[in-house]
Amino acid sequence: MDLVEYDGYCKKHMNSKEFTQVIEKTVKEKRLTYIDAIVWYCEQNDIDIGTVNPLVSKHLKQKIQIEAEHLNFLPKTAKLPI
Protein backbone atom coordinates (compact mmCIF):
# COMPACT_ATOMS: atom_id res chain seq x y z
CA MET A 1 0.00 0.00 0.00
CA ASP A 2 1.28 3.40 -0.90
CA LEU A 3 0.92 6.60 1.07
CA VAL A 4 -2.52 7.08 2.56
CA GLU A 5 -4.03 10.20 4.09
CA TYR A 6 -5.27 10.18 7.66
CA ASP A 7 -6.63 13.39 9.19
CA GLY A 8 -4.67 15.60 6.84
CA TYR A 9 -1.35 13.79 6.91
CA CYS A 10 0.06 10.89 4.96
CA LYS A 11 1.58 7.74 6.31
CA LYS A 12 2.78 4.54 4.73
CA HIS A 13 0.83 2.11 6.87
CA MET A 14 -2.64 2.41 8.28
CA ASN A 15 -4.23 0.09 10.82
CA SER A 16 -7.83 -1.10 10.85
CA LYS A 17 -8.94 1.47 13.43
CA GLU A 18 -7.52 4.40 11.47
CA PHE A 19 -9.01 3.10 8.22
CA THR A 20 -12.43 2.75 9.86
CA GLN A 21 -12.24 6.32 11.18
CA VAL A 22 -11.35 7.66 7.74
CA ILE A 23 -14.23 5.75 6.10
CA GLU A 24 -16.73 6.83 8.79
CA LYS A 25 -15.64 10.45 8.30
CA THR A 26 -15.95 10.11 4.51
CA VAL A 27 -19.47 8.66 4.82
CA LYS A 28 -20.59 11.58 6.97
CA GLU A 29 -18.86 14.39 5.07
CA LYS A 30 -19.55 13.22 1.53
CA ARG A 31 -22.87 11.49 2.27
CA LEU A 32 -21.75 8.28 0.60
CA THR A 33 -22.62 4.69 1.34
CA TYR A 34 -19.92 2.68 3.12
CA ILE A 35 -19.23 0.72 -0.05
CA ASP A 36 -18.91 3.90 -2.11
CA ALA A 37 -16.76 5.55 0.57
CA ILE A 38 -14.23 2.70 0.48
CA VAL A 39 -14.14 2.74 -3.32
CA TRP A 40 -13.81 6.54 -3.37
CA TYR A 41 -11.01 6.49 -0.79
CA CYS A 42 -9.09 3.84 -2.72
CA GLU A 43 -9.46 5.75 -5.99
CA GLN A 44 -8.33 9.03 -4.39
CA ASN A 45 -5.21 7.40 -2.94
CA ASP A 46 -4.33 5.08 -5.86
CA ILE A 47 -4.87 1.99 -3.71
CA ASP A 48 -5.94 -1.32 -5.21
CA ILE A 49 -9.32 -2.03 -3.64
CA GLY A 50 -8.36 -5.68 -3.24
CA THR A 51 -5.62 -4.76 -0.76
CA VAL A 52 -7.82 -3.03 1.83
CA ASN A 53 -9.64 -6.17 3.00
CA PRO A 54 -7.38 -6.61 6.06
CA LEU A 55 -8.13 -2.99 7.05
CA VAL A 56 -11.91 -3.44 7.08
CA SER A 57 -12.91 -3.94 10.73
CA LYS A 58 -15.70 -6.23 11.92
CA HIS A 59 -17.79 -3.16 12.73
CA LEU A 60 -17.34 -1.79 9.20
CA LYS A 61 -18.13 -5.21 7.67
CA GLN A 62 -21.40 -5.32 9.61
CA LYS A 63 -22.38 -1.88 8.34
CA ILE A 64 -21.50 -2.88 4.78
CA GLN A 65 -23.57 -6.06 5.11
CA ILE A 66 -26.62 -4.15 6.37
CA GLU A 67 -26.20 -1.61 3.58
CA ALA A 68 -25.82 -4.36 0.95
CA GLU A 69 -28.95 -6.14 2.23
CA HIS A 70 -30.89 -2.87 2.10
CA LEU A 71 -29.74 -2.32 -1.50
CA ASN A 72 -30.60 -5.96 -2.36
CA PHE A 73 -26.98 -6.80 -3.18
CA LEU A 74 -27.16 -9.60 -0.57
CA PRO A 75 -30.10 -11.69 0.58
CA LYS A 76 -31.61 -10.41 3.80
CA THR A 77 -30.57 -12.27 6.94
CA ALA A 78 -33.19 -13.49 9.38
CA LYS A 79 -33.83 -11.21 12.33
CA LEU A 80 -35.46 -12.18 15.59
CA PRO A 81 -38.53 -10.15 16.55
CA ILE A 82 -37.92 -7.96 19.56
PDB file of N, CA and C in Angstrom:
ATOM      1  N   MET A   1       0.840  -1.166   0.000  1.00  0.00           N
ATOM      2  CA  MET A   1       0.000   0.000   0.000  1.00  0.00           C
ATOM      3  C   MET A   1       0.889   1.235   0.000  1.00  0.00           C
ATOM      4  N   ASP A   2       0.506   2.178  -0.810  1.00  0.00           N
ATOM      5  CA  ASP A   2       1.280   3.405  -0.903  1.00  0.00           C
ATOM      6  C   ASP A   2       0.884   4.353   0.221  1.00  0.00           C
ATOM      7  N   LEU A   3       1.261   5.596   0.065  1.00  0.00           N
ATOM      8  CA  LEU A   3       0.916   6.603   1.069  1.00  0.00           C
ATOM      9  C   LEU A   3      -0.591   6.772   1.153  1.00  0.00           C
ATOM     10  N   VAL A   4      -1.100   6.859   2.343  1.00  0.00           N
ATOM     11  CA  VAL A   4      -2.523   7.083   2.558  1.00  0.00           C
ATOM     12  C   VAL A   4      -2.699   8.287   3.469  1.00  0.00           C
ATOM     13  N   GLU A   5      -3.791   8.999   3.290  1.00  0.00           N
ATOM     14  CA  GLU A   5      -4.031  10.196   4.089  1.00  0.00           C
ATOM     15  C   GLU A   5      -4.880   9.850   5.291  1.00  0.00           C
ATOM     16  N   TYR A   6      -4.520  10.398   6.425  1.00  0.00           N
ATOM     17  CA  TYR A   6      -5.267  10.183   7.656  1.00  0.00           C
ATOM     18  C   TYR A   6      -5.292  11.493   8.421  1.00  0.00           C
ATOM     19  N   ASP A   7      -6.460  12.093   8.521  1.00  0.00           N
ATOM     20  CA  ASP A   7      -6.630  13.388   9.193  1.00  0.00           C
ATOM     21  C   ASP A   7      -5.622  14.435   8.710  1.00  0.00           C
ATOM     22  N   GLY A   8      -5.490  14.544   7.401  1.00  0.00           N
ATOM     23  CA  GLY A   8      -4.671  15.599   6.842  1.00  0.00           C
ATOM     24  C   GLY A   8      -3.190  15.295   6.712  1.00  0.00           C
ATOM     25  N   TYR A   9      -2.746  14.122   7.128  1.00  0.00           N
ATOM     26  CA  TYR A   9      -1.349  13.787   6.911  1.00  0.00           C
ATOM     27  C   TYR A   9      -1.247  12.413   6.274  1.00  0.00           C
ATOM     28  N   CYS A  10      -0.137  12.157   5.648  1.00  0.00           N
ATOM     29  CA  CYS A  10       0.063  10.894   4.958  1.00  0.00           C
ATOM     30  C   CYS A  10       0.983   9.992   5.755  1.00  0.00           C
ATOM     31  N   LYS A  11       0.714   8.715   5.670  1.00  0.00           N
ATOM     32  CA  LYS A  11       1.579   7.737   6.313  1.00  0.00           C
ATOM     33  C   LYS A  11       1.597   6.487   5.457  1.00  0.00           C
ATOM     34  N   LYS A  12       2.637   5.711   5.589  1.00  0.00           N
ATOM     35  CA  LYS A  12       2.781   4.544   4.728  1.00  0.00           C
ATOM     36  C   LYS A  12       1.873   3.396   5.133  1.00  0.00           C
ATOM     37  N   HIS A  13       1.635   3.224   6.410  1.00  0.00           N
ATOM     38  CA  HIS A  13       0.832   2.110   6.867  1.00  0.00           C
ATOM     39  C   HIS A  13      -0.311   2.620   7.727  1.00  0.00           C
ATOM     40  N   MET A  14      -1.469   2.022   7.531  1.00  0.00           N
ATOM     41  CA  MET A  14      -2.645   2.412   8.284  1.00  0.00           C
ATOM     42  C   MET A  14      -3.202   1.154   8.934  1.00  0.00           C
ATOM     43  N   ASN A  15      -3.628   1.259  10.192  1.00  0.00           N
ATOM     44  CA  ASN A  15      -4.230   0.091  10.823  1.00  0.00           C
ATOM     45  C   ASN A  15      -5.744   0.124  10.622  1.00  0.00           C
ATOM     46  N   SER A  16      -6.391  -0.941  11.057  1.00  0.00           N
ATOM     47  CA  SER A  16      -7.826  -1.100  10.850  1.00  0.00           C
ATOM     48  C   SER A  16      -8.628   0.020  11.520  1.00  0.00           C
ATOM     49  N   LYS A  17      -8.223   0.416  12.704  1.00  0.00           N
ATOM     50  CA  LYS A  17      -8.937   1.469  13.431  1.00  0.00           C
ATOM     51  C   LYS A  17      -8.863   2.800  12.678  1.00  0.00           C
ATOM     52  N   GLU A  18      -7.689   3.150  12.218  1.00  0.00           N
ATOM     53  CA  GLU A  18      -7.517   4.404  11.474  1.00  0.00           C
ATOM     54  C   GLU A  18      -8.316   4.370  10.174  1.00  0.00           C
ATOM     55  N   PHE A  19      -8.277   3.233   9.475  1.00  0.00           N
ATOM     56  CA  PHE A  19      -9.010   3.102   8.223  1.00  0.00           C
ATOM     57  C   PHE A  19     -10.511   3.265   8.474  1.00  0.00           C
ATOM     58  N   THR A  20     -11.024   2.636   9.526  1.00  0.00           N
ATOM     59  CA  THR A  20     -12.433   2.746   9.863  1.00  0.00           C
ATOM     60  C   THR A  20     -12.810   4.191  10.150  1.00  0.00           C
ATOM     61  N   GLN A  21     -11.968   4.912  10.877  1.00  0.00           N
ATOM     62  CA  GLN A  21     -12.244   6.319  11.180  1.00  0.00           C
ATOM     63  C   GLN A  21     -12.290   7.160   9.916  1.00  0.00           C
ATOM     64  N   VAL A  22     -11.378   6.905   8.992  1.00  0.00           N
ATOM     65  CA  VAL A  22     -11.354   7.655   7.738  1.00  0.00           C
ATOM     66  C   VAL A  22     -12.618   7.370   6.931  1.00  0.00           C
ATOM     67  N   ILE A  23     -13.032   6.110   6.873  1.00  0.00           N
ATOM     68  CA  ILE A  23     -14.227   5.748   6.103  1.00  0.00           C
ATOM     69  C   ILE A  23     -15.477   6.328   6.762  1.00  0.00           C
ATOM     70  N   GLU A  24     -15.577   6.246   8.076  1.00  0.00           N
ATOM     71  CA  GLU A  24     -16.726   6.828   8.787  1.00  0.00           C
ATOM     72  C   GLU A  24     -16.812   8.335   8.512  1.00  0.00           C
ATOM     73  N   LYS A  25     -15.683   9.010   8.558  1.00  0.00           N
ATOM     74  CA  LYS A  25     -15.641  10.450   8.302  1.00  0.00           C
ATOM     75  C   LYS A  25     -16.059  10.751   6.862  1.00  0.00           C
ATOM     76  N   THR A  26     -15.606   9.938   5.928  1.00  0.00           N
ATOM     77  CA  THR A  26     -15.948  10.115   4.514  1.00  0.00           C
ATOM     78  C   THR A  26     -17.443   9.921   4.295  1.00  0.00           C
ATOM     79  N   VAL A  27     -18.030   8.916   4.939  1.00  0.00           N
ATOM     80  CA  VAL A  27     -19.469   8.656   4.822  1.00  0.00           C
ATOM     81  C   VAL A  27     -20.262   9.871   5.295  1.00  0.00           C
ATOM     82  N   LYS A  28     -19.865  10.436   6.413  1.00  0.00           N
ATOM     83  CA  LYS A  28     -20.587  11.584   6.974  1.00  0.00           C
ATOM     84  C   LYS A  28     -20.394  12.847   6.136  1.00  0.00           C
ATOM     85  N   GLU A  29     -19.156  13.133   5.773  1.00  0.00           N
ATOM     86  CA  GLU A  29     -18.863  14.386   5.073  1.00  0.00           C
ATOM     87  C   GLU A  29     -19.354  14.386   3.631  1.00  0.00           C
ATOM     88  N   LYS A  30     -19.208  13.274   2.950  1.00  0.00           N
ATOM     89  CA  LYS A  30     -19.551  13.224   1.529  1.00  0.00           C
ATOM     90  C   LYS A  30     -20.919  12.593   1.276  1.00  0.00           C
ATOM     91  N   ARG A  31     -21.559  12.133   2.364  1.00  0.00           N
ATOM     92  CA  ARG A  31     -22.873  11.493   2.268  1.00  0.00           C
ATOM     93  C   ARG A  31     -22.873  10.336   1.273  1.00  0.00           C
ATOM     94  N   LEU A  32     -21.883   9.464   1.440  1.00  0.00           N
ATOM     95  CA  LEU A  32     -21.752   8.279   0.601  1.00  0.00           C
ATOM     96  C   LEU A  32     -22.162   7.045   1.385  1.00  0.00           C
ATOM     97  N   THR A  33     -22.435   5.964   0.674  1.00  0.00           N
ATOM     98  CA  THR A  33     -22.624   4.686   1.344  1.00  0.00           C
ATOM     99  C   THR A  33     -21.238   4.201   1.770  1.00  0.00           C
ATOM    100  N   TYR A  34     -21.215   3.213   2.665  1.00  0.00           N
ATOM    101  CA  TYR A  34     -19.922   2.682   3.118  1.00  0.00           C
ATOM    102  C   TYR A  34     -19.163   2.052   1.958  1.00  0.00           C
ATOM    103  N   ILE A  35     -19.873   1.346   1.105  1.00  0.00           N
ATOM    104  CA  ILE A  35     -19.232   0.722  -0.050  1.00  0.00           C
ATOM    105  C   ILE A  35     -18.619   1.798  -0.940  1.00  0.00           C
ATOM    106  N   ASP A  36     -19.404   2.820  -1.254  1.00  0.00           N
ATOM    107  CA  ASP A  36     -18.908   3.903  -2.107  1.00  0.00           C
ATOM    108  C   ASP A  36     -17.762   4.669  -1.452  1.00  0.00           C
ATOM    109  N   ALA A  37     -17.820   4.833  -0.132  1.00  0.00           N
ATOM    110  CA  ALA A  37     -16.760   5.554   0.575  1.00  0.00           C
ATOM    111  C   ALA A  37     -15.429   4.807   0.475  1.00  0.00           C
ATOM    112  N   ILE A  38     -15.470   3.487   0.599  1.00  0.00           N
ATOM    113  CA  ILE A  38     -14.234   2.700   0.477  1.00  0.00           C
ATOM    114  C   ILE A  38     -13.692   2.779  -0.939  1.00  0.00           C
ATOM    115  N   VAL A  39     -14.573   2.639  -1.918  1.00  0.00           N
ATOM    116  CA  VAL A  39     -14.140   2.735  -3.323  1.00  0.00           C
ATOM    117  C   VAL A  39     -13.574   4.124  -3.608  1.00  0.00           C
ATOM    118  N   TRP A  40     -14.269   5.165  -3.152  1.00  0.00           N
ATOM    119  CA  TRP A  40     -13.808   6.539  -3.371  1.00  0.00           C
ATOM    120  C   TRP A  40     -12.440   6.756  -2.740  1.00  0.00           C
ATOM    121  N   TYR A  41     -12.283   6.308  -1.493  1.00  0.00           N
ATOM    122  CA  TYR A  41     -11.009   6.488  -0.794  1.00  0.00           C
ATOM    123  C   TYR A  41      -9.866   5.792  -1.533  1.00  0.00           C
ATOM    124  N   CYS A  42     -10.127   4.585  -1.994  1.00  0.00           N
ATOM    125  CA  CYS A  42      -9.091   3.840  -2.719  1.00  0.00           C
ATOM    126  C   CYS A  42      -8.724   4.538  -4.025  1.00  0.00           C
ATOM    127  N   GLU A  43      -9.726   5.037  -4.734  1.00  0.00           N
ATOM    128  CA  GLU A  43      -9.458   5.749  -5.987  1.00  0.00           C
ATOM    129  C   GLU A  43      -8.664   7.027  -5.743  1.00  0.00           C
ATOM    130  N   GLN A  44      -9.009   7.770  -4.702  1.00  0.00           N
ATOM    131  CA  GLN A  44      -8.330   9.030  -4.393  1.00  0.00           C
ATOM    132  C   GLN A  44      -6.867   8.817  -4.003  1.00  0.00           C
ATOM    133  N   ASN A  45      -6.561   7.667  -3.434  1.00  0.00           N
ATOM    134  CA  ASN A  45      -5.210   7.403  -2.935  1.00  0.00           C
ATOM    135  C   ASN A  45      -4.457   6.370  -3.765  1.00  0.00           C
ATOM    136  N   ASP A  46      -4.963   6.065  -4.961  1.00  0.00           N
ATOM    137  CA  ASP A  46      -4.326   5.081  -5.857  1.00  0.00           C
ATOM    138  C   ASP A  46      -4.015   3.774  -5.135  1.00  0.00           C
ATOM    139  N   ILE A  47      -5.018   3.250  -4.432  1.00  0.00           N
ATOM    140  CA  ILE A  47      -4.873   1.992  -3.709  1.00  0.00           C
ATOM    141  C   ILE A  47      -5.732   0.954  -4.411  1.00  0.00           C
ATOM    142  N   ASP A  48      -5.177  -0.223  -4.639  1.00  0.00           N
ATOM    143  CA  ASP A  48      -5.940  -1.317  -5.214  1.00  0.00           C
ATOM    144  C   ASP A  48      -6.979  -1.742  -4.185  1.00  0.00           C
ATOM    145  N   ILE A  49      -8.241  -1.738  -4.580  1.00  0.00           N
ATOM    146  CA  ILE A  49      -9.315  -2.030  -3.635  1.00  0.00           C
ATOM    147  C   ILE A  49      -9.186  -3.427  -3.036  1.00  0.00           C
ATOM    148  N   GLY A  50      -8.549  -4.327  -3.742  1.00  0.00           N
ATOM    149  CA  GLY A  50      -8.356  -5.683  -3.235  1.00  0.00           C
ATOM    150  C   GLY A  50      -7.389  -5.763  -2.064  1.00  0.00           C
ATOM    151  N   THR A  51      -6.620  -4.720  -1.833  1.00  0.00           N
ATOM    152  CA  THR A  51      -5.618  -4.755  -0.758  1.00  0.00           C
ATOM    153  C   THR A  51      -6.135  -4.205   0.575  1.00  0.00           C
ATOM    154  N   VAL A  52      -7.332  -3.632   0.593  1.00  0.00           N
ATOM    155  CA  VAL A  52      -7.823  -3.033   1.830  1.00  0.00           C
ATOM    156  C   VAL A  52      -8.624  -4.007   2.704  1.00  0.00           C
ATOM    157  N   ASN A  53      -8.858  -5.204   2.225  1.00  0.00           N
ATOM    158  CA  ASN A  53      -9.639  -6.170   2.999  1.00  0.00           C
ATOM    159  C   ASN A  53      -9.139  -6.343   4.433  1.00  0.00           C
ATOM    160  N   PRO A  54      -7.830  -6.461   4.675  1.00  0.00           N
ATOM    161  CA  PRO A  54      -7.379  -6.606   6.065  1.00  0.00           C
ATOM    162  C   PRO A  54      -7.649  -5.368   6.925  1.00  0.00           C
ATOM    163  N   LEU A  55      -7.887  -4.229   6.302  1.00  0.00           N
ATOM    164  CA  LEU A  55      -8.135  -2.992   7.052  1.00  0.00           C
ATOM    165  C   LEU A  55      -9.603  -2.802   7.425  1.00  0.00           C
ATOM    166  N   VAL A  56     -10.479  -3.585   6.821  1.00  0.00           N
ATOM    167  CA  VAL A  56     -11.909  -3.444   7.080  1.00  0.00           C
ATOM    168  C   VAL A  56     -12.240  -4.159   8.384  1.00  0.00           C
ATOM    169  N   SER A  57     -12.625  -3.391   9.395  1.00  0.00           N
ATOM    170  CA  SER A  57     -12.910  -3.937  10.728  1.00  0.00           C
ATOM    171  C   SER A  57     -14.234  -4.706  10.724  1.00  0.00           C
ATOM    172  N   LYS A  58     -14.450  -5.482  11.769  1.00  0.00           N
ATOM    173  CA  LYS A  58     -15.697  -6.233  11.915  1.00  0.00           C
ATOM    174  C   LYS A  58     -16.886  -5.278  11.939  1.00  0.00           C
ATOM    175  N   HIS A  59     -16.740  -4.177  12.642  1.00  0.00           N
ATOM    176  CA  HIS A  59     -17.788  -3.157  12.732  1.00  0.00           C
ATOM    177  C   HIS A  59     -18.139  -2.614  11.345  1.00  0.00           C
ATOM    178  N   LEU A  60     -17.135  -2.319  10.552  1.00  0.00           N
ATOM    179  CA  LEU A  60     -17.343  -1.794   9.205  1.00  0.00           C
ATOM    180  C   LEU A  60     -17.972  -2.860   8.306  1.00  0.00           C
ATOM    181  N   LYS A  61     -17.548  -4.114   8.461  1.00  0.00           N
ATOM    182  CA  LYS A  61     -18.129  -5.206   7.674  1.00  0.00           C
ATOM    183  C   LYS A  61     -19.608  -5.367   7.978  1.00  0.00           C
ATOM    184  N   GLN A  62     -19.993  -5.216   9.242  1.00  0.00           N
ATOM    185  CA  GLN A  62     -21.403  -5.317   9.611  1.00  0.00           C
ATOM    186  C   GLN A  62     -22.218  -4.197   8.962  1.00  0.00           C
ATOM    187  N   LYS A  63     -21.674  -2.999   8.965  1.00  0.00           N
ATOM    188  CA  LYS A  63     -22.376  -1.877   8.336  1.00  0.00           C
ATOM    189  C   LYS A  63     -22.502  -2.079   6.829  1.00  0.00           C
ATOM    190  N   ILE A  64     -21.462  -2.611   6.215  1.00  0.00           N
ATOM    191  CA  ILE A  64     -21.499  -2.884   4.780  1.00  0.00           C
ATOM    192  C   ILE A  64     -22.533  -3.961   4.476  1.00  0.00           C
ATOM    193  N   GLN A  65     -22.603  -4.986   5.319  1.00  0.00           N
ATOM    194  CA  GLN A  65     -23.574  -6.057   5.114  1.00  0.00           C
ATOM    195  C   GLN A  65     -25.004  -5.531   5.204  1.00  0.00           C
ATOM    196  N   ILE A  66     -25.282  -4.727   6.219  1.00  0.00           N
ATOM    197  CA  ILE A  66     -26.623  -4.147   6.374  1.00  0.00           C
ATOM    198  C   ILE A  66     -26.970  -3.281   5.166  1.00  0.00           C
ATOM    199  N   GLU A  67     -26.008  -2.480   4.740  1.00  0.00           N
ATOM    200  CA  GLU A  67     -26.195  -1.615   3.581  1.00  0.00           C
ATOM    201  C   GLU A  67     -26.450  -2.443   2.322  1.00  0.00           C
ATOM    202  N   ALA A  68     -25.676  -3.502   2.123  1.00  0.00           N
ATOM    203  CA  ALA A  68     -25.822  -4.356   0.947  1.00  0.00           C
ATOM    204  C   ALA A  68     -27.163  -5.085   0.958  1.00  0.00           C
ATOM    205  N   GLU A  69     -27.635  -5.504   2.125  1.00  0.00           N
ATOM    206  CA  GLU A  69     -28.951  -6.140   2.227  1.00  0.00           C
ATOM    207  C   GLU A  69     -30.047  -5.141   1.879  1.00  0.00           C
ATOM    208  N   HIS A  70     -29.911  -3.923   2.371  1.00  0.00           N
ATOM    209  CA  HIS A  70     -30.893  -2.872   2.095  1.00  0.00           C
ATOM    210  C   HIS A  70     -30.957  -2.550   0.597  1.00  0.00           C
ATOM    211  N   LEU A  71     -29.809  -2.602  -0.062  1.00  0.00           N
ATOM    212  CA  LEU A  71     -29.737  -2.318  -1.502  1.00  0.00           C
ATOM    213  C   LEU A  71     -29.999  -3.564  -2.353  1.00  0.00           C
ATOM    214  N   ASN A  72     -30.340  -4.676  -1.702  1.00  0.00           N
ATOM    215  CA  ASN A  72     -30.602  -5.963  -2.365  1.00  0.00           C
ATOM    216  C   ASN A  72     -29.393  -6.514  -3.106  1.00  0.00           C
ATOM    217  N   PHE A  73     -28.189  -6.194  -2.636  1.00  0.00           N
ATOM    218  CA  PHE A  73     -26.975  -6.799  -3.177  1.00  0.00           C
ATOM    219  C   PHE A  73     -26.745  -8.165  -2.540  1.00  0.00           C
ATOM    220  N   LEU A  74     -27.253  -8.341  -1.316  1.00  0.00           N
ATOM    221  CA  LEU A  74     -27.162  -9.599  -0.574  1.00  0.00           C
ATOM    222  C   LEU A  74     -28.564  -9.985  -0.125  1.00  0.00           C
ATOM    223  N   PRO A  75     -28.806 -11.301   0.027  1.00  0.00           N
ATOM    224  CA  PRO A  75     -30.102 -11.693   0.578  1.00  0.00           C
ATOM    225  C   PRO A  75     -30.214 -11.247   2.032  1.00  0.00           C
ATOM    226  N   LYS A  76     -31.394 -10.881   2.427  1.00  0.00           N
ATOM    227  CA  LYS A  76     -31.612 -10.407   3.800  1.00  0.00           C
ATOM    228  C   LYS A  76     -31.411 -11.567   4.788  1.00  0.00           C
ATOM    229  N   THR A  77     -30.767 -11.264   5.905  1.00  0.00           N
ATOM    230  CA  THR A  77     -30.567 -12.271   6.943  1.00  0.00           C
ATOM    231  C   THR A  77     -31.768 -12.248   7.875  1.00  0.00           C
ATOM    232  N   ALA A  78     -32.049 -13.385   8.465  1.00  0.00           N
ATOM    233  CA  ALA A  78     -33.191 -13.487   9.379  1.00  0.00           C
ATOM    234  C   ALA A  78     -32.915 -12.670  10.632  1.00  0.00           C
ATOM    235  N   LYS A  79     -33.938 -12.006  11.119  1.00  0.00           N
ATOM    236  CA  LYS A  79     -33.827 -11.209  12.332  1.00  0.00           C
ATOM    237  C   LYS A  79     -34.883 -11.678  13.314  1.00  0.00           C
ATOM    238  N   LEU A  80     -34.525 -11.777  14.563  1.00  0.00           N
ATOM    239  CA  LEU A  80     -35.465 -12.177  15.589  1.00  0.00           C
ATOM    240  C   LEU A  80     -36.368 -10.997  15.954  1.00  0.00           C
ATOM    241  N   PRO A  81     -37.656 -11.258  16.129  1.00  0.00           N
ATOM    242  CA  PRO A  81     -38.535 -10.147  16.553  1.00  0.00           C
ATOM    243  C   PRO A  81     -38.229  -9.740  17.979  1.00  0.00           C
ATOM    244  N   ILE A  82     -38.236  -8.469  18.214  1.00  0.00           N
ATOM    245  CA  ILE A  82     -37.917  -7.961  19.559  1.00  0.00           C
ATOM    246  C   ILE A  82     -39.127  -7.271  20.128  1.00  0.00           C
TER     247      ILE A  82
END
